[in-house]
């Protein structure tokens, strides 16, 4: 046996002990280093809360009017395939992107929301209608469809809401995941594209369909921002409370995330995995009649999310964060515009927001404010609607431009400047929609062909409901009339026995004419 020191012989017991201690120290240091890195990565994802806004719901929710103290993160939903063109994105199958820009003034409202400091992403899919990836089988066309939405709304974060039959449609999921991966790869490193998966869960976490979606996305190389659990409509017959079921769902999902990444030889730390877990409850009454998400449940979810380090909490939906009024007959029946539980307006947002001051990660920069020196310059050639004129009368729904902003009359108004100060907003006749956008030109109003209705005859007698035309403009009689020119309704609509057709009525009449030709 060799001598290490003069007069001493090497003890194998001591050597073994030394090796074990050194190995333990190295392992402990590596473990501590790994935990530090895990915590550091997780802490970079600032916690935020952002509700979904159903863009096509009626009545339309005025998200562009959110005050500075209210929620500044929104998830606009849902982009699906156009029923008449599989690879063309649409809002709810009802509006193309361009149609939403004109009929809903969506582009302008988004611009206004961002001017107020708001951040937003768009959700693709949802329960109703057909996901883009189902019927659009051309991979490049599918990628272009997503890109069109990202470009139009200047997005750096997207949400993929996958539920129903799509959960087990392997071909469509693969197309979708590959398209998202290609979109991410095409982005510059300085402006990455965050992608969230929104999936239904059971009380144990994702079911088999949800796990297939997660695995498909990871296999395609998508860099997930996280997985958002739809913590709603469990319908499992359990006696467990809503809060306990939600906690169990999220805990199960966190473990599933770590396992899914480990399957691909990626070690996902405990803190990082929790930061990638998100929750979206359904406010108040759920679709399942005996399931409700109360304000107490919201406060409990907020505490759980903050304790675990979850970066995102969302809710369905901003449209519903108010109590139903007395005219809603059954509070256990789900409404698009109220929660079905007693509450103050915005109470769910307040309960979910405590301690969550961050924003949607990697949000695109806000549209710059043009400044007061440019706001005052109104040019008919670059204004989508007529410029407001003092002394003119404006019926409800009329849109005008004033100081480079678009306003809509809430009811008939005469002589009130759209940006006048000192008024109570509940009694103010104008609603600010948003700024005039770069490159805009006057919107061409639809017109009816000559002869659609009889020309107005000053000697004729007209009764309520009679329709006439002067040039390309159509009018309808509000009451008995003789000799009163319908054109007077353009100046003093409140006094005229005539009312001008709205653009929507003109469009309906044109559709009727087209249907009669076919």
Protein backbone atom coordinates (compact mmCIF):
# COMPACT_ATOMS: atom_id res chain seq x y z
CA UNK A 1 0.00 0.00 0.00
CA UNK A 2 1.49 3.34 -0.98
CA UNK A 3 2.40 5.95 1.61
CA UNK A 4 0.84 9.42 1.28
CA UNK A 5 2.75 10.96 4.18
CA UNK A 6 5.87 9.75 5.96
CA UNK A 7 4.94 7.35 8.70
CA UNK A 8 1.28 7.15 7.61
CA UNK A 9 -0.59 4.59 5.60
CA UNK A 10 -3.70 5.44 3.45
CA UNK A 11 -7.02 4.53 5.08
CA UNK A 12 -9.60 3.42 2.55
CA UNK A 13 -12.37 4.25 5.02
CA UNK A 14 -11.15 7.81 5.36
CA UNK A 15 -10.72 8.13 1.58
CA UNK A 16 -14.23 6.87 0.93
CA UNK A 17 -15.65 9.27 3.49
CA UNK A 18 -13.75 12.16 1.91
CA UNK A 19 -15.02 11.28 -1.56
CA UNK A 20 -18.61 11.05 -0.33
CA UNK A 21 -18.35 14.42 1.42
CA UNK A 22 -16.86 16.07 -1.66
CA UNK A 23 -19.51 14.56 -3.89
CA UNK A 24 -22.23 15.76 -1.52
CA UNK A 25 -20.76 19.26 -1.51
CA UNK A 26 -20.59 19.31 -5.32
CA UNK A 27 -24.13 17.95 -5.65
CA UNK A 28 -25.41 20.42 -3.08
CA UNK A 29 -23.71 23.28 -4.86
CA UNK A 30 -25.15 22.17 -8.21
CA UNK A 31 -28.60 21.79 -6.63
CA UNK A 32 -28.39 25.26 -5.08
CA UNK A 33 -27.14 26.70 -8.38
CA UNK A 34 -29.97 24.99 -10.24
CA UNK A 35 -32.55 26.31 -7.77
CA UNK A 36 -31.09 29.81 -8.08
CA UNK A 37 -31.24 29.66 -11.86
CA UNK A 38 -34.78 28.27 -11.72
CA UNK A 39 -35.97 31.00 -9.37
CA UNK A 40 -34.18 33.67 -11.40
CA UNK A 41 -35.81 32.52 -14.65
CA UNK A 42 -39.25 32.34 -13.03
CA UNK A 43 -38.97 35.79 -11.44
CA UNK A 44 -38.32 37.33 -14.87
CA UNK A 45 -41.96 36.58 -15.75
CA UNK A 46 -43.83 39.37 -13.97
CA UNK A 47 -47.29 38.30 -12.77
CA UNK A 48 -50.22 39.80 -14.63
CA UNK A 49 -53.96 39.48 -14.99
CA UNK A 50 -55.87 39.94 -18.23
CA UNK A 51 -59.45 39.10 -19.10
CA UNK A 52 -60.84 37.86 -22.38
CA UNK A 53 -63.02 40.20 -24.41
CA UNK A 54 -65.54 38.59 -26.73
CA UNK A 55 -65.13 40.89 -29.73
CA UNK A 56 -68.34 39.86 -31.50
CA UNK A 57 -70.60 39.74 -28.43
CA UNK A 58 -73.69 41.95 -28.43
CA UNK A 59 -73.74 44.50 -26.92
CA UNK A 60 -70.17 45.32 -27.88
CA UNK A 61 -67.92 45.84 -24.85
CA UNK A 62 -66.13 49.24 -25.01
CA UNK A 63 -62.72 47.96 -23.90
CA UNK A 64 -61.08 51.08 -25.36
CA UNK A 65 -62.61 53.12 -22.52
CA UNK A 66 -60.84 51.33 -19.67
CA UNK A 67 -59.61 53.80 -17.08
CA UNK A 68 -55.96 53.91 -15.91
CA UNK A 69 -56.87 52.10 -12.69
CA UNK A 70 -58.58 49.21 -14.46
CA UNK A 71 -57.20 46.13 -16.16
CA UNK A 72 -54.64 47.01 -18.79
CA UNK A 73 -54.13 43.50 -20.24
CA UNK A 74 -56.74 42.04 -22.57
CA UNK A 75 -57.12 38.88 -24.64
CA UNK A 76 -59.30 39.66 -27.66
CA UNK A 77 -61.20 36.59 -28.84
CA UNK A 78 -61.75 34.66 -31.07
CA UNK A 79 -60.07 34.41 -34.47
CA UNK A 80 -61.39 31.43 -36.45
CA UNK A 81 -61.61 30.36 -40.08
CA UNK A 82 -63.89 32.26 -42.43
CA UNK A 83 -66.87 30.00 -43.25
CA UNK A 84 -66.52 30.91 -46.95
CA UNK A 85 -62.72 30.84 -47.17
CA UNK A 86 -60.96 28.27 -45.00
CA UNK A 87 -57.55 29.97 -44.91
CA UNK A 88 -58.85 33.49 -44.23
CA UNK A 89 -58.98 34.58 -40.57
CA UNK A 90 -62.21 36.05 -39.24
CA UNK A 91 -63.59 37.28 -35.95
CA UNK A 92 -66.05 34.62 -34.83
CA UNK A 93 -66.83 33.64 -38.40
CA UNK A 94 -68.81 36.90 -38.68
CA UNK A 95 -66.28 39.59 -39.65
CA UNK A 96 -63.15 39.54 -41.75
CA UNK A 97 -60.29 41.59 -40.32
CA UNK A 98 -61.21 44.45 -42.65
CA UNK A 99 -64.93 44.18 -41.84
CA UNK A 100 -64.17 44.28 -38.11
CA UNK A 101 -62.15 47.41 -38.78
CA UNK A 102 -65.10 49.14 -40.43
CA UNK A 103 -68.21 47.63 -38.79
CA UNK A 104 -66.77 47.37 -35.26
CA UNK A 105 -64.08 50.07 -35.54
CA UNK A 106 -61.80 47.46 -34.00
CA UNK A 107 -58.50 48.80 -35.33
CA UNK A 108 -59.27 52.25 -33.97
CA UNK A 109 -60.39 50.90 -30.59
CA UNK A 110 -57.20 48.85 -30.29
CA UNK A 111 -55.18 51.98 -31.06
CA UNK A 112 -57.09 53.91 -28.39
CA UNK A 113 -56.57 51.15 -25.83
CA UNK A 114 -52.84 51.18 -26.46
CA UNK A 115 -52.67 54.96 -26.26
CA UNK A 116 -54.07 54.58 -22.73
CA UNK A 117 -51.22 52.18 -21.93
CA UNK A 118 -53.11 48.95 -22.52
CA UNK A 119 -51.53 45.68 -23.63
CA UNK A 120 -53.28 42.95 -25.56
CA UNK A 121 -52.98 39.67 -27.36
CA UNK A 122 -55.38 37.80 -29.61
CA UNK A 123 -56.85 34.35 -29.02
CA UNK A 124 -57.31 31.87 -31.87
CA UNK A 125 -59.89 29.09 -31.70
CA UNK A 126 -62.49 28.78 -28.95
CA UNK A 127 -65.43 26.47 -28.51
CA UNK A 128 -67.67 27.77 -31.29
CA UNK A 129 -66.94 27.96 -35.02
CA UNK A 130 -64.11 26.19 -36.83
CA UNK A 131 -60.45 26.65 -36.01
CA UNK A 132 -58.26 27.90 -38.85
CA UNK A 133 -56.12 24.76 -38.70
CA UNK A 134 -59.02 22.37 -39.37
CA UNK A 135 -60.09 23.33 -42.89
CA UNK A 136 -56.96 25.20 -43.98
CA UNK A 137 -54.76 22.26 -44.95
CA UNK A 138 -52.12 24.27 -46.81
CA UNK A 139 -49.29 24.80 -44.25
CA UNK A 140 -48.01 28.02 -45.82
CA UNK A 141 -51.51 29.48 -46.17
CA UNK A 142 -52.20 28.65 -42.53
CA UNK A 143 -49.00 30.36 -41.43
CA UNK A 144 -49.91 33.39 -43.56
CA UNK A 145 -53.35 33.54 -41.93
CA UNK A 146 -51.80 33.74 -38.46
CA UNK A 147 -49.25 36.24 -39.72
CA UNK A 148 -52.00 38.49 -41.11
CA UNK A 149 -53.56 38.77 -37.66
CA UNK A 150 -50.20 39.33 -35.95
CA UNK A 151 -49.28 42.07 -38.43
CA UNK A 152 -52.62 43.86 -38.35
CA UNK A 153 -52.77 44.10 -34.57
CA UNK A 154 -49.01 44.38 -34.01
CA UNK A 155 -48.89 41.36 -31.70
CA UNK A 156 -46.01 39.91 -29.76
CA UNK A 157 -48.19 37.44 -27.81
CA UNK A 158 -50.85 35.03 -29.06
CA UNK A 159 -53.20 32.60 -27.36
CA UNK A 160 -54.24 29.26 -28.88
CA UNK A 161 -57.57 28.16 -27.38
CA UNK A 162 -57.93 24.47 -28.19
CA UNK A 163 -61.02 22.55 -27.12
CA UNK A 164 -63.76 20.27 -28.39
CA UNK A 165 -63.06 18.04 -31.40
CA UNK A 166 -59.80 19.84 -32.14
CA UNK A 167 -58.22 18.26 -29.04
CA UNK A 168 -58.00 14.94 -30.88
CA UNK A 169 -57.56 16.16 -34.43
CA UNK A 170 -53.92 15.14 -34.81
CA UNK A 171 -53.52 16.43 -38.37
CA UNK A 172 -54.93 19.88 -37.58
CA UNK A 173 -52.94 20.17 -34.33
CA UNK A 174 -49.74 19.26 -36.13
CA UNK A 175 -50.39 21.88 -38.82
CA UNK A 176 -51.16 24.48 -36.18
CA UNK A 177 -48.11 23.71 -34.06
CA UNK A 178 -45.76 23.77 -37.05
CA UNK A 179 -47.21 27.08 -38.20
CA UNK A 180 -46.68 28.64 -34.75
CA UNK A 181 -43.13 27.28 -34.60
CA UNK A 182 -42.39 28.77 -38.04
CA UNK A 183 -43.80 32.12 -36.93
CA UNK A 184 -41.55 32.12 -33.88
CA UNK A 185 -38.48 31.16 -35.92
CA UNK A 186 -39.14 33.98 -38.39
CA UNK A 187 -39.15 36.63 -35.66
CA UNK A 188 -35.99 38.56 -34.77
CA UNK A 189 -34.47 37.67 -31.39
CA UNK A 190 -35.22 41.17 -30.14
CA UNK A 191 -38.98 40.67 -30.74
CA UNK A 192 -39.90 37.07 -29.90
CA UNK A 193 -43.44 35.77 -30.28
CA UNK A 194 -44.95 34.41 -27.07
CA UNK A 195 -47.39 31.54 -27.56
CA UNK A 196 -49.83 30.39 -24.86
CA UNK A 197 -51.84 27.17 -25.03
CA UNK A 198 -55.31 27.43 -23.46
CA UNK A 199 -56.70 23.98 -22.69
CA UNK A 200 -59.58 22.45 -20.69
CA UNK A 201 -58.67 20.61 -17.49
CA UNK A 202 -60.11 18.10 -15.08
CA UNK A 203 -59.53 18.23 -11.33
CA UNK A 204 -56.36 16.19 -11.99
CA UNK A 205 -54.96 18.48 -14.71
CA UNK A 206 -54.95 17.94 -18.47
CA UNK A 207 -56.80 14.96 -19.87
CA UNK A 208 -55.45 12.76 -22.67
CA UNK A 209 -56.45 15.24 -25.36
CA UNK A 210 -54.74 18.12 -23.59
CA UNK A 211 -51.57 16.09 -23.14
CA UNK A 212 -51.61 15.27 -26.86
CA UNK A 213 -51.79 18.98 -27.67
CA UNK A 214 -48.89 19.77 -25.34
CA UNK A 215 -46.78 16.95 -26.76
CA UNK A 216 -47.58 18.00 -30.35
CA UNK A 217 -46.47 21.56 -29.67
CA UNK A 218 -43.24 20.53 -27.98
CA UNK A 219 -42.49 18.07 -30.79
CA UNK A 220 -42.92 20.89 -33.33
CA UNK A 221 -40.37 23.00 -31.46
CA UNK A 222 -42.76 25.67 -30.21
CA UNK A 223 -41.35 27.76 -27.37
CA UNK A 224 -44.32 27.94 -25.05
CA UNK A 225 -44.89 30.89 -22.77
CA UNK A 226 -47.09 28.56 -20.75
CA UNK A 227 -50.29 26.53 -20.55
CA UNK A 228 -53.49 28.27 -19.51
CA UNK A 229 -55.99 25.97 -17.78
CA UNK A 230 -59.69 26.57 -18.35
CA UNK A 231 -60.66 26.10 -14.72
CA UNK A 232 -64.40 25.97 -15.35
CA UNK A 233 -67.29 23.61 -16.10
CA UNK A 234 -65.78 20.58 -14.33
CA UNK A 235 -69.08 18.69 -14.37
CA UNK A 236 -67.48 15.79 -12.48
CA UNK A 237 -70.14 15.26 -9.82
CA UNK A 238 -67.62 16.04 -7.09
CA UNK A 239 -68.62 17.57 -3.77
CA UNK A 240 -65.30 19.44 -3.64
CA UNK A 241 -65.43 23.23 -3.57
CA UNK A 242 -64.65 25.29 -6.65
CA UNK A 243 -61.45 26.58 -5.03
CA UNK A 244 -60.16 23.12 -4.14
CA UNK A 245 -60.87 21.78 -7.63
CA UNK A 246 -59.05 24.71 -9.23
CA UNK A 247 -56.02 24.24 -6.96
CA UNK A 248 -55.92 20.51 -7.73
CA UNK A 249 -56.16 21.22 -11.48
CA UNK A 250 -53.28 23.67 -11.44
CA UNK A 251 -51.10 21.48 -9.24
CA UNK A 252 -51.67 18.56 -11.58
CA UNK A 253 -50.90 20.72 -14.63
CA UNK A 254 -47.62 21.90 -13.10
CA UNK A 255 -46.47 18.31 -12.68
CA UNK A 256 -47.59 17.43 -16.20
CA UNK A 257 -45.60 20.31 -17.63
CA UNK A 258 -42.41 19.14 -15.89
CA UNK A 259 -42.99 15.59 -17.09
CA UNK A 260 -43.68 16.65 -20.68
CA UNK A 261 -40.45 18.63 -20.85
CA UNK A 262 -38.48 15.89 -19.10
CA UNK A 263 -39.69 13.47 -21.78
CA UNK A 264 -37.74 15.64 -24.21
CA UNK A 265 -34.69 15.79 -21.96
CA UNK A 266 -35.45 19.34 -20.80
CA UNK A 267 -35.27 19.91 -17.06
CA UNK A 268 -38.01 22.34 -16.08
CA UNK A 269 -37.47 23.69 -12.57
CA UNK A 270 -40.26 23.80 -10.02
CA UNK A 271 -40.49 27.61 -10.02
CA UNK A 272 -40.25 27.88 -13.81
CA UNK A 273 -42.99 25.31 -14.23
CA UNK A 274 -45.28 27.23 -11.89
CA UNK A 275 -44.57 30.45 -13.81
CA UNK A 276 -45.75 28.65 -16.95
CA UNK A 277 -49.05 27.62 -15.34
CA UNK A 278 -52.00 29.95 -15.89
CA UNK A 279 -55.68 29.80 -14.98
CA UNK A 280 -58.85 31.10 -16.63
CA UNK A 281 -62.01 30.71 -14.57
CA UNK A 282 -65.48 31.58 -15.85
CA UNK A 283 -66.82 34.45 -13.77
CA UNK A 284 -69.92 33.74 -11.74
CA UNK A 285 -72.35 31.24 -13.20
CA UNK A 286 -70.68 28.53 -15.26
CA UNK A 287 -72.34 26.61 -18.10
CA UNK A 288 -72.90 23.77 -15.59
CA UNK A 289 -75.85 25.02 -13.53
CA UNK A 290 -74.54 23.87 -10.14
CA UNK A 291 -71.08 25.38 -10.65
CA UNK A 292 -70.29 28.97 -9.75
CA UNK A 293 -67.07 30.93 -9.44
CA UNK A 294 -67.64 33.49 -6.70
CA UNK A 295 -65.71 36.56 -5.58
CA UNK A 296 -64.40 34.46 -2.66
CA UNK A 297 -63.10 31.90 -5.16
CA UNK A 298 -61.44 34.72 -7.10
CA UNK A 299 -59.63 35.99 -4.00
CA UNK A 300 -58.52 32.44 -3.19
CA UNK A 301 -57.21 31.89 -6.73
CA UNK A 302 -55.30 35.17 -6.51
CA UNK A 303 -53.59 34.08 -3.27
CA UNK A 304 -52.75 30.67 -4.71
CA UNK A 305 -51.35 32.13 -7.94
CA UNK A 306 -49.23 34.67 -6.09
CA UNK A 307 -47.91 32.08 -3.64
CA UNK A 308 -46.99 29.61 -6.38
CA UNK A 309 -45.51 32.25 -8.69
CA UNK A 310 -47.97 31.84 -11.59
CA UNK A 311 -47.26 34.56 -14.14
CA UNK A 312 -50.70 34.71 -15.78
CA UNK A 313 -54.27 34.76 -14.51
CA UNK A 314 -57.08 35.41 -17.00
CA UNK A 315 -60.86 35.19 -16.81
CA UNK A 316 -63.87 34.72 -19.04
CA UNK A 317 -64.83 37.37 -19.59
CA UNK A 318 -64.44 41.12 -19.22
CA UNK A 319 -67.90 41.46 -20.80
CA UNK A 320 -69.38 39.56 -17.82
CA UNK A 321 -67.69 41.36 -14.88
CA UNK A 322 -70.92 42.96 -13.68
CA UNK A 323 -74.14 41.89 -11.99
CA UNK A 324 -77.14 40.93 -14.09
CA UNK A 325 -79.99 43.43 -13.89
CA UNK A 326 -83.55 42.72 -12.89
CA UNK A 327 -84.56 41.97 -16.48
CA UNK A 328 -82.34 38.87 -16.64
CA UNK A 329 -84.89 36.16 -15.79
CA UNK A 330 -82.66 33.28 -14.61
CA UNK A 331 -79.33 34.01 -12.85
CA UNK A 332 -78.40 30.32 -13.28
CA UNK A 333 -78.48 30.76 -17.05
CA UNK A 334 -75.19 32.01 -18.48
CA UNK A 335 -75.19 35.50 -19.99
CA UNK A 336 -72.58 37.08 -22.28
CA UNK A 337 -72.91 40.40 -20.49
CA UNK A 338 -73.22 39.66 -16.75
CA UNK A 339 -71.94 37.17 -14.18
CA UNK A 340 -75.13 35.94 -12.55
CA UNK A 341 -73.81 36.58 -9.01
CA UNK A 342 -74.17 39.67 -6.78
CA UNK A 343 -71.24 42.01 -7.39
CA UNK A 344 -70.10 45.53 -8.12
CA UNK A 345 -68.95 46.17 -11.68
CA UNK A 346 -65.29 45.17 -12.03
CA UNK A 347 -65.21 43.33 -8.70
CA UNK A 348 -63.78 40.12 -10.18
CA UNK A 349 -60.94 42.01 -11.83
CA UNK A 350 -60.15 43.69 -8.51
CA UNK A 351 -60.17 40.35 -6.65
CA UNK A 352 -57.89 38.67 -9.19
CA UNK A 353 -55.49 41.61 -9.59
CA UNK A 354 -53.99 42.02 -6.11
CA UNK A 355 -50.21 41.83 -6.36
CA UNK A 356 -50.25 41.28 -10.12
CA UNK A 357 -48.85 44.45 -11.63
CA UNK A 358 -47.04 43.08 -14.70
CA UNK A 359 -48.12 43.04 -18.29
CA UNK A 360 -48.38 40.60 -21.16
CA UNK A 361 -44.81 39.53 -21.79
CA UNK A 362 -43.05 40.99 -24.85
CA UNK A 363 -45.97 43.23 -25.71
CA UNK A 364 -45.45 45.35 -28.82
CA UNK A 365 -44.71 49.03 -28.11
CA UNK A 366 -47.69 51.30 -27.76
CA UNK A 367 -48.73 53.42 -30.72
CA UNK A 368 -47.15 56.82 -30.12
CA UNK A 369 -49.37 59.72 -29.15
CA UNK A 370 -49.33 62.21 -32.07
CA UNK A 371 -49.27 65.13 -29.63
CA UNK A 372 -51.65 68.08 -29.29
CA UNK A 373 -50.07 70.03 -32.15
CA UNK A 374 -51.11 67.33 -34.63
CA UNK A 375 -54.44 66.37 -33.08
CA UNK A 376 -56.05 69.67 -34.06
CA UNK A 377 -55.43 69.33 -37.81
CA UNK A 378 -58.45 67.71 -39.46
CA UNK A 379 -58.31 67.12 -43.20
CA UNK A 380 -61.39 65.78 -45.04
CA UNK A 381 -59.07 63.87 -47.38
CA UNK A 382 -57.58 61.86 -44.49
CA UNK A 383 -60.65 61.62 -42.23
CA UNK A 384 -62.74 58.43 -42.35
CA UNK A 385 -65.91 60.29 -41.31
CA UNK A 386 -67.18 63.86 -41.75
CA UNK A 387 -65.50 66.49 -39.61
CA UNK A 388 -67.72 67.77 -36.82
CA UNK A 389 -69.41 71.10 -37.61
CA UNK A 390 -70.75 73.45 -34.96
CA UNK A 391 -74.47 74.02 -35.38
CA UNK A 392 -75.14 70.77 -37.23
CA UNK A 393 -77.33 68.07 -35.74
CA UNK A 394 -76.20 64.46 -35.40
CA UNK A 395 -78.52 61.46 -34.91
CA UNK A 396 -77.59 58.56 -32.63
CA UNK A 397 -74.88 56.39 -34.13
CA UNK A 398 -73.40 59.14 -36.28
CA UNK A 399 -69.59 59.10 -36.39
CA UNK A 400 -67.57 62.27 -36.83
CA UNK A 401 -63.91 63.31 -36.75
CA UNK A 402 -62.75 66.05 -34.43
CA UNK A 403 -59.11 66.93 -33.72
CA UNK A 404 -57.88 63.70 -35.29
CA UNK A 405 -60.14 61.49 -33.19
CA UNK A 406 -63.34 59.64 -34.07
CA UNK A 407 -66.45 60.13 -31.94
CA UNK A 408 -69.86 58.46 -32.08
CA UNK A 409 -73.11 60.13 -31.03
CA UNK A 410 -74.78 58.18 -28.22
CA UNK A 411 -78.08 59.93 -28.95
CA UNK A 412 -79.25 62.90 -30.98
CA UNK A 413 -77.05 65.90 -30.32
CA UNK A 414 -76.85 69.48 -31.48
CA UNK A 415 -74.03 71.94 -30.77
CA UNK A 416 -72.05 69.93 -28.20
CA UNK A 417 -68.36 69.76 -29.13
CA UNK A 418 -67.17 66.12 -29.05
CA UNK A 419 -64.21 66.82 -26.74
CA UNK A 420 -65.96 69.39 -24.53
CA UNK A 421 -64.86 69.31 -20.89
CA UNK A 422 -66.87 69.56 -17.67
CA UNK A 423 -69.63 67.11 -18.58
CA UNK A 424 -70.78 64.05 -16.66
CA UNK A 425 -70.04 61.18 -19.06
CA UNK A 426 -73.39 59.55 -18.34
CA UNK A 427 -75.12 62.60 -19.83
CA UNK A 428 -72.50 63.49 -22.46
CA UNK A 429 -73.76 62.76 -26.01
CA UNK A 430 -70.42 61.67 -27.54
CA UNK A 431 -68.34 58.52 -27.12
CA UNK A 432 -64.65 58.64 -28.03
CA UNK A 433 -63.77 55.60 -30.14
CA UNK A 434 -60.13 56.26 -30.99
CA UNK A 435 -57.65 58.16 -33.13
CA UNK A 436 -57.68 58.64 -36.87
CA UNK A 437 -55.21 56.05 -38.13
CA UNK A 438 -52.31 56.58 -40.50
CA UNK A 439 -53.27 56.24 -44.14
CA UNK A 440 -57.03 56.55 -43.58
CA UNK A 441 -59.28 58.07 -46.20
CA UNK A 442 -63.00 58.88 -46.22
CA UNK A 443 -65.05 55.71 -45.84
CA UNK A 444 -67.22 55.22 -48.88
CA UNK A 445 -70.78 54.82 -47.68
CA UNK A 446 -72.99 52.22 -49.35
CA UNK A 447 -75.66 53.58 -51.66
CA UNK A 448 -78.82 52.16 -53.18
CA UNK A 449 -79.37 51.96 -56.93
CA UNK A 450 -81.76 54.38 -58.54
CA UNK A 451 -85.35 53.23 -58.34
CA UNK A 452 -84.99 51.14 -55.18
CA UNK A 453 -87.74 53.34 -53.65
CA UNK A 454 -89.90 56.02 -55.32
CA UNK A 455 -88.47 59.51 -55.61
CA UNK A 456 -89.80 61.94 -53.02
CA UNK A 457 -92.79 63.95 -54.33
CA UNK A 458 -93.43 67.26 -52.52
CA UNK A 459 -97.14 67.09 -53.39
CA UNK A 460 -97.66 63.55 -52.10
CA UNK A 461 -98.88 62.52 -48.65
CA UNK A 462 -96.75 60.05 -46.70
CA UNK A 463 -97.47 58.03 -43.59
CA UNK A 464 -95.26 56.25 -41.11
CA UNK A 465 -93.03 53.61 -42.73
CA UNK A 466 -93.15 54.98 -46.27
CA UNK A 467 -89.77 55.01 -47.98
CA UNK A 468 -88.49 57.43 -50.59
CA UNK A 469 -85.27 58.46 -52.25
CA UNK A 470 -83.57 61.74 -53.05
CA UNK A 471 -80.68 60.96 -55.32
CA UNK A 472 -78.84 57.99 -53.79
CA UNK A 473 -80.07 58.65 -50.25
CA UNK A 474 -82.99 56.68 -48.80
CA UNK A 475 -85.37 58.01 -46.14
CA UNK A 476 -88.20 56.52 -44.08
CA UNK A 477 -91.20 58.48 -42.79
CA UNK A 478 -91.52 58.66 -39.00
CA UNK A 479 -95.07 60.07 -39.09
CA UNK A 480 -97.60 61.69 -41.45
CA UNK A 481 -95.98 64.19 -43.79
CA UNK A 482 -96.70 66.36 -46.84
CA UNK A 483 -94.30 68.84 -48.38
CA UNK A 484 -91.55 68.31 -45.77
CA UNK A 485 -88.27 67.64 -47.58
CA UNK A 486 -86.50 64.56 -46.23
CA UNK A 487 -83.19 66.41 -46.61
CA UNK A 488 -84.15 68.51 -43.59
CA UNK A 489 -83.48 65.38 -41.53
CA UNK A 490 -79.79 65.83 -42.29
CA UNK A 491 -79.78 69.14 -40.40
CA UNK A 492 -82.56 68.90 -37.79
CA UNK A 493 -83.32 65.18 -37.41
CA UNK A 494 -85.30 65.70 -34.21
CA UNK A 495 -87.84 67.95 -35.97
CA UNK A 496 -88.09 66.17 -39.32
CA UNK A 497 -90.82 63.63 -40.12
CA UNK A 498 -88.14 61.70 -42.02
CA UNK A 499 -85.08 59.74 -40.97
CA UNK A 500 -82.09 58.83 -43.12
CA UNK A 501 -81.34 55.14 -43.67
CA UNK A 502 -78.36 53.92 -41.66
CA UNK A 503 -75.46 52.27 -43.47
CA UNK A 504 -76.51 48.94 -41.95
CA UNK A 505 -80.03 49.32 -43.38
CA UNK A 506 -78.59 50.18 -46.79
CA UNK A 507 -76.43 47.05 -46.65
CA UNK A 508 -79.46 44.94 -45.72
CA UNK A 509 -81.45 46.37 -48.61
CA UNK A 510 -78.59 45.72 -51.03
CA UNK A 511 -78.41 42.12 -49.77
CA UNK A 512 -82.16 41.76 -50.35
CA UNK A 513 -81.78 43.09 -53.89
CA UNK A 514 -78.91 40.68 -54.59
CA UNK A 515 -80.91 37.76 -53.20
CA UNK A 516 -83.80 38.65 -55.52
CA UNK A 517 -81.51 38.53 -58.54
CA UNK A 518 -80.20 35.04 -57.76
